[in-house]
C-alpha atoms as a PDB file:
ATOM      1  CA  MET A   1     -50.726  17.493 -40.699  1.00  0.00           C
ATOM      2  CA  SER A   2     -49.379  16.388 -37.374  1.00  0.00           C
ATOM      3  CA  ARG A   3     -48.603  18.919 -34.711  1.00  0.00           C
ATOM      4  CA  ASN A   4     -45.068  19.349 -33.463  1.00  0.00           C
ATOM      5  CA  THR A   5     -44.688  18.960 -29.729  1.00  0.00           C
ATOM      6  CA  ILE A   6     -41.581  19.413 -27.614  1.00  0.00           C
ATOM      7  CA  ALA A   7     -41.343  15.622 -27.235  1.00  0.00           C
ATOM      8  CA  LYS A   8     -41.727  14.944 -30.962  1.00  0.00           C
ATOM      9  CA  THR A   9     -39.138  17.590 -31.836  1.00  0.00           C
ATOM     10  CA  ARG A  10     -36.686  16.207 -29.254  1.00  0.00           C
ATOM     11  CA  ILE A  11     -37.096  12.589 -30.431  1.00  0.00           C
ATOM     12  CA  LEU A  12     -36.588  13.580 -34.065  1.00  0.00           C
ATOM     13  CA  GLU A  13     -33.465  15.557 -33.096  1.00  0.00           C
ATOM     14  CA  ILE A  14     -32.082  12.532 -31.224  1.00  0.00           C
ATOM     15  CA  ILE A  15     -32.636  10.214 -34.189  1.00  0.00           C
ATOM     16  CA  GLN A  16     -31.345  12.694 -36.776  1.00  0.00           C
ATOM     17  CA  GLY A  17     -28.261  13.364 -34.663  1.00  0.00           C
ATOM     18  CA  SER A  18     -27.334   9.709 -34.348  1.00  0.00           C
ATOM     19  CA  SER A  19     -24.917   7.940 -36.678  1.00  0.00           C
ATOM     20  CA  ILE A  20     -26.600   4.599 -35.883  1.00  0.00           C
ATOM     21  CA  ALA A  21     -30.181   3.382 -35.714  1.00  0.00           C
ATOM     22  CA  LEU A  22     -31.576   3.618 -32.177  1.00  0.00           C
ATOM     23  CA  THR A  23     -33.809   1.325 -30.169  1.00  0.00           C
ATOM     24  CA  HIS A  24     -36.820   2.581 -28.249  1.00  0.00           C
ATOM     25  CA  ALA A  25     -34.844   2.036 -25.025  1.00  0.00           C
ATOM     26  CA  ALA A  26     -31.931   4.166 -26.265  1.00  0.00           C
ATOM     27  CA  ILE A  27     -34.330   6.939 -27.268  1.00  0.00           C
ATOM     28  CA  GLN A  28     -36.140   6.727 -23.932  1.00  0.00           C
ATOM     29  CA  GLU A  29     -32.825   7.008 -22.089  1.00  0.00           C
ATOM     30  CA  GLN A  30     -32.185  10.342 -23.797  1.00  0.00           C
ATOM     31  CA  THR A  31     -35.727  11.696 -23.226  1.00  0.00           C
ATOM     32  CA  ARG A  32     -36.391  10.796 -19.578  1.00  0.00           C
ATOM     33  CA  ASP A  33     -37.461  14.294 -18.598  1.00  0.00           C
ATOM     34  CA  VAL A  34     -39.510  14.992 -21.746  1.00  0.00           C
ATOM     35  CA  CYS A  35     -42.017  12.131 -22.019  1.00  0.00           C
ATOM     36  CA  ASP A  36     -42.880   8.584 -20.985  1.00  0.00           C
ATOM     37  CA  ARG A  37     -42.293   5.344 -22.929  1.00  0.00           C
ATOM     38  CA  VAL A  38     -45.867   5.119 -24.292  1.00  0.00           C
ATOM     39  CA  THR A  39     -45.627   8.640 -25.696  1.00  0.00           C
ATOM     40  CA  ILE A  40     -42.306   7.697 -27.310  1.00  0.00           C
ATOM     41  CA  TYR A  41     -43.970   4.722 -29.058  1.00  0.00           C
ATOM     42  CA  ARG A  42     -46.748   6.977 -30.354  1.00  0.00           C
ATOM     43  CA  ILE A  43     -44.296   9.600 -31.579  1.00  0.00           C
ATOM     44  CA  LEU A  44     -42.108   6.987 -33.304  1.00  0.00           C
ATOM     45  CA  ASP A  45     -45.169   5.597 -35.113  1.00  0.00           C
ATOM     46  CA  ARG A  46     -46.159   9.117 -36.135  1.00  0.00           C
ATOM     47  CA  LEU A  47     -42.649   9.914 -37.424  1.00  0.00           C
ATOM     48  CA  VAL A  48     -42.603   6.676 -39.460  1.00  0.00           C
ATOM     49  CA  ASN A  49     -46.004   7.537 -40.960  1.00  0.00           C
ATOM     50  CA  GLU A  50     -44.759  11.032 -41.791  1.00  0.00           C
ATOM     51  CA  ASN A  51     -41.697   9.541 -43.595  1.00  0.00           C
ATOM     52  CA  GLU A  52     -39.285  11.284 -41.222  1.00  0.00           C
ATOM     53  CA  ILE A  53     -37.757   8.038 -39.875  1.00  0.00           C
ATOM     54  CA  HIS A  54     -37.755   4.357 -40.779  1.00  0.00           C
ATOM     55  CA  ARG A  55     -37.890   1.103 -38.827  1.00  0.00           C
ATOM     56  CA  ILE A  56     -35.204  -1.549 -39.096  1.00  0.00           C
ATOM     57  CA  VAL A  57     -35.236  -4.876 -37.289  1.00  0.00           C
ATOM     58  CA  ASN A  58     -31.781  -6.032 -36.191  1.00  0.00           C
ATOM     59  CA  VAL A  59     -30.631  -9.660 -36.208  1.00  0.00           C
ATOM     60  CA  ASN A  60     -31.927 -10.115 -32.650  1.00  0.00           C
ATOM     61  CA  GLY A  61     -35.429  -9.016 -33.644  1.00  0.00           C
ATOM     62  CA  VAL A  62     -35.182  -5.636 -31.915  1.00  0.00           C
ATOM     63  CA  VAL A  63     -36.763  -2.700 -33.739  1.00  0.00           C
ATOM     64  CA  ASN A  64     -34.473   0.277 -34.356  1.00  0.00           C
ATOM     65  CA  PHE A  65     -35.215   3.699 -35.815  1.00  0.00           C
ATOM     66  CA  ALA A  66     -33.106   5.815 -38.168  1.00  0.00           C
ATOM     67  CA  ALA A  67     -33.591   9.126 -39.907  1.00  0.00           C
ATOM     68  CA  CYS A  68     -34.792   9.113 -43.493  1.00  0.00           C
ATOM     69  CA  LYS A  69     -32.238  10.711 -45.744  1.00  0.00           C
ATOM     70  CA  ARG A  70     -33.490   9.974 -49.275  1.00  0.00           C
ATOM     71  CA  CYS A  71     -37.220   9.997 -48.569  1.00  0.00           C
ATOM     72  CA  SER A  72     -39.925  12.481 -49.365  1.00  0.00           C
ATOM     73  CA  HIS A  73     -43.231  12.967 -47.632  1.00  0.00           C
ATOM     74  CA  SER A  74     -44.857  10.836 -50.326  1.00  0.00           C
ATOM     75  CA  SER A  75     -42.499   7.831 -50.405  1.00  0.00           C
ATOM     76  CA  HIS A  76     -39.894   5.880 -48.471  1.00  0.00           C
ATOM     77  CA  HIS A  77     -36.698   4.610 -50.129  1.00  0.00           C
ATOM     78  CA  HIS A  78     -34.977   2.112 -47.865  1.00  0.00           C
ATOM     79  CA  ASP A  79     -33.423  -0.203 -50.390  1.00  0.00           C
ATOM     80  CA  HIS A  80     -30.063   0.189 -48.670  1.00  0.00           C
ATOM     81  CA  ILE A  81     -28.126  -2.245 -46.523  1.00  0.00           C
ATOM     82  CA  HIS A  82     -28.403  -2.190 -42.739  1.00  0.00           C
ATOM     83  CA  PHE A  83     -25.430  -3.630 -40.823  1.00  0.00           C
ATOM     84  CA  SER A  84     -26.094  -5.203 -37.429  1.00  0.00           C
ATOM     85  CA  CYS A  85     -22.984  -5.778 -35.280  1.00  0.00           C
ATOM     86  CA  ILE A  86     -23.162  -9.048 -33.354  1.00  0.00           C
ATOM     87  CA  LYS A  87     -20.682  -7.747 -30.755  1.00  0.00           C
ATOM     88  CA  CYS A  88     -21.863  -4.257 -29.787  1.00  0.00           C
ATOM     89  CA  GLY A  89     -25.411  -4.474 -31.164  1.00  0.00           C
ATOM     90  CA  GLU A  90     -25.201  -1.234 -33.142  1.00  0.00           C
ATOM     91  CA  LEU A  91     -27.244  -1.044 -36.337  1.00  0.00           C
ATOM     92  CA  THR A  92     -25.885   1.163 -39.111  1.00  0.00           C
ATOM     93  CA  CYS A  93     -27.567   2.276 -42.335  1.00  0.00           C
ATOM     94  CA  PHE A  94     -25.365   2.258 -45.419  1.00  0.00           C
ATOM     95  CA  GLU A  95     -27.363   4.656 -47.576  1.00  0.00           C
ATOM     96  CA  ASP A  96     -24.976   4.316 -50.522  1.00  0.00           C
ATOM     97  CA  GLN A  97     -25.112   0.505 -50.549  1.00  0.00           C
ATOM     98  CA  SER A  98     -28.232  -0.842 -52.247  1.00  0.00           C
ATOM     99  CA  ILE A  99     -29.303  -4.059 -53.891  1.00  0.00           C
ATOM    100  CA  ASP A 100     -31.401  -4.565 -56.989  1.00  0.00           C
ATOM    101  CA  LEU A 101     -33.850  -7.435 -56.768  1.00  0.00           C
ATOM    102  CA  ASN A 102     -35.040  -9.114 -59.939  1.00  0.00           C
ATOM    103  CA  LEU A 103     -38.240 -11.001 -59.242  1.00  0.00           C
ATOM    104  CA  PRO A 104     -40.347 -12.910 -61.755  1.00  0.00           C
ATOM    105  CA  SER A 105     -42.896 -10.886 -63.698  1.00  0.00           C
ATOM    106  CA  LYS A 106     -46.144  -9.996 -61.904  1.00  0.00           C
ATOM    107  CA  TYR A 107     -44.345  -9.828 -58.545  1.00  0.00           C
ATOM    108  CA  ILE A 108     -44.433  -6.271 -57.250  1.00  0.00           C
ATOM    109  CA  ILE A 109     -42.086  -5.231 -54.471  1.00  0.00           C
ATOM    110  CA  GLN A 110     -43.634  -2.765 -52.088  1.00  0.00           C
ATOM    111  CA  GLU A 111     -41.034  -2.828 -49.351  1.00  0.00           C
ATOM    112  CA  TYR A 112     -38.023  -4.788 -48.203  1.00  0.00           C
ATOM    113  CA  GLN A 113     -35.344  -4.595 -45.543  1.00  0.00           C
ATOM    114  CA  LEU A 114     -31.876  -6.017 -45.847  1.00  0.00           C
ATOM    115  CA  THR A 115     -29.943  -6.509 -42.636  1.00  0.00           C
ATOM    116  CA  VAL A 116     -26.444  -7.940 -42.762  1.00  0.00           C
ATOM    117  CA  ALA A 117     -24.922  -9.270 -39.543  1.00  0.00           C
ATOM    118  CA  GLY A 118     -21.256  -9.292 -38.653  1.00  0.00           C
ATOM    119  CA  ILE A 119     -18.650  -7.354 -36.724  1.00  0.00           C
ATOM    120  CA  CYS A 120     -18.476  -3.592 -37.201  1.00  0.00           C
ATOM    121  CA  GLY A 121     -15.334  -1.535 -37.698  1.00  0.00           C
ATOM    122  CA  LYS A 122     -15.199  -0.474 -34.041  1.00  0.00           C
ATOM    123  CA  CYS A 123     -15.411  -4.064 -32.776  1.00  0.00           C
ATOM    124  CA  SER A 124     -13.086  -5.765 -35.265  1.00  0.00           C
END
């Protein structure tokens, strides 16, 4: 069991309170007085391992973090679509939009990420 620090609690609150997935830089901007960037990286890794948040890579290769909504402490479920806006750069999870993959027999899916790029509703 991981201990809860002020920094970890604050970072989780920031991510859970966001309607979009956040980059490390965006999280750091909101936690300037709480911790440094290295601590943020460590906390983000810890929160991913604890199934509290998940990583998504946007179309530019930047890692973003979003709160887990359908996950338990024993498993992640991120078979939903992530939308990456090419204008504003925001990355949004569409929890209710999923895709079923049908692979040949003996292929076992352990994890996948689906990121769709385009222009979001705010930018269109």
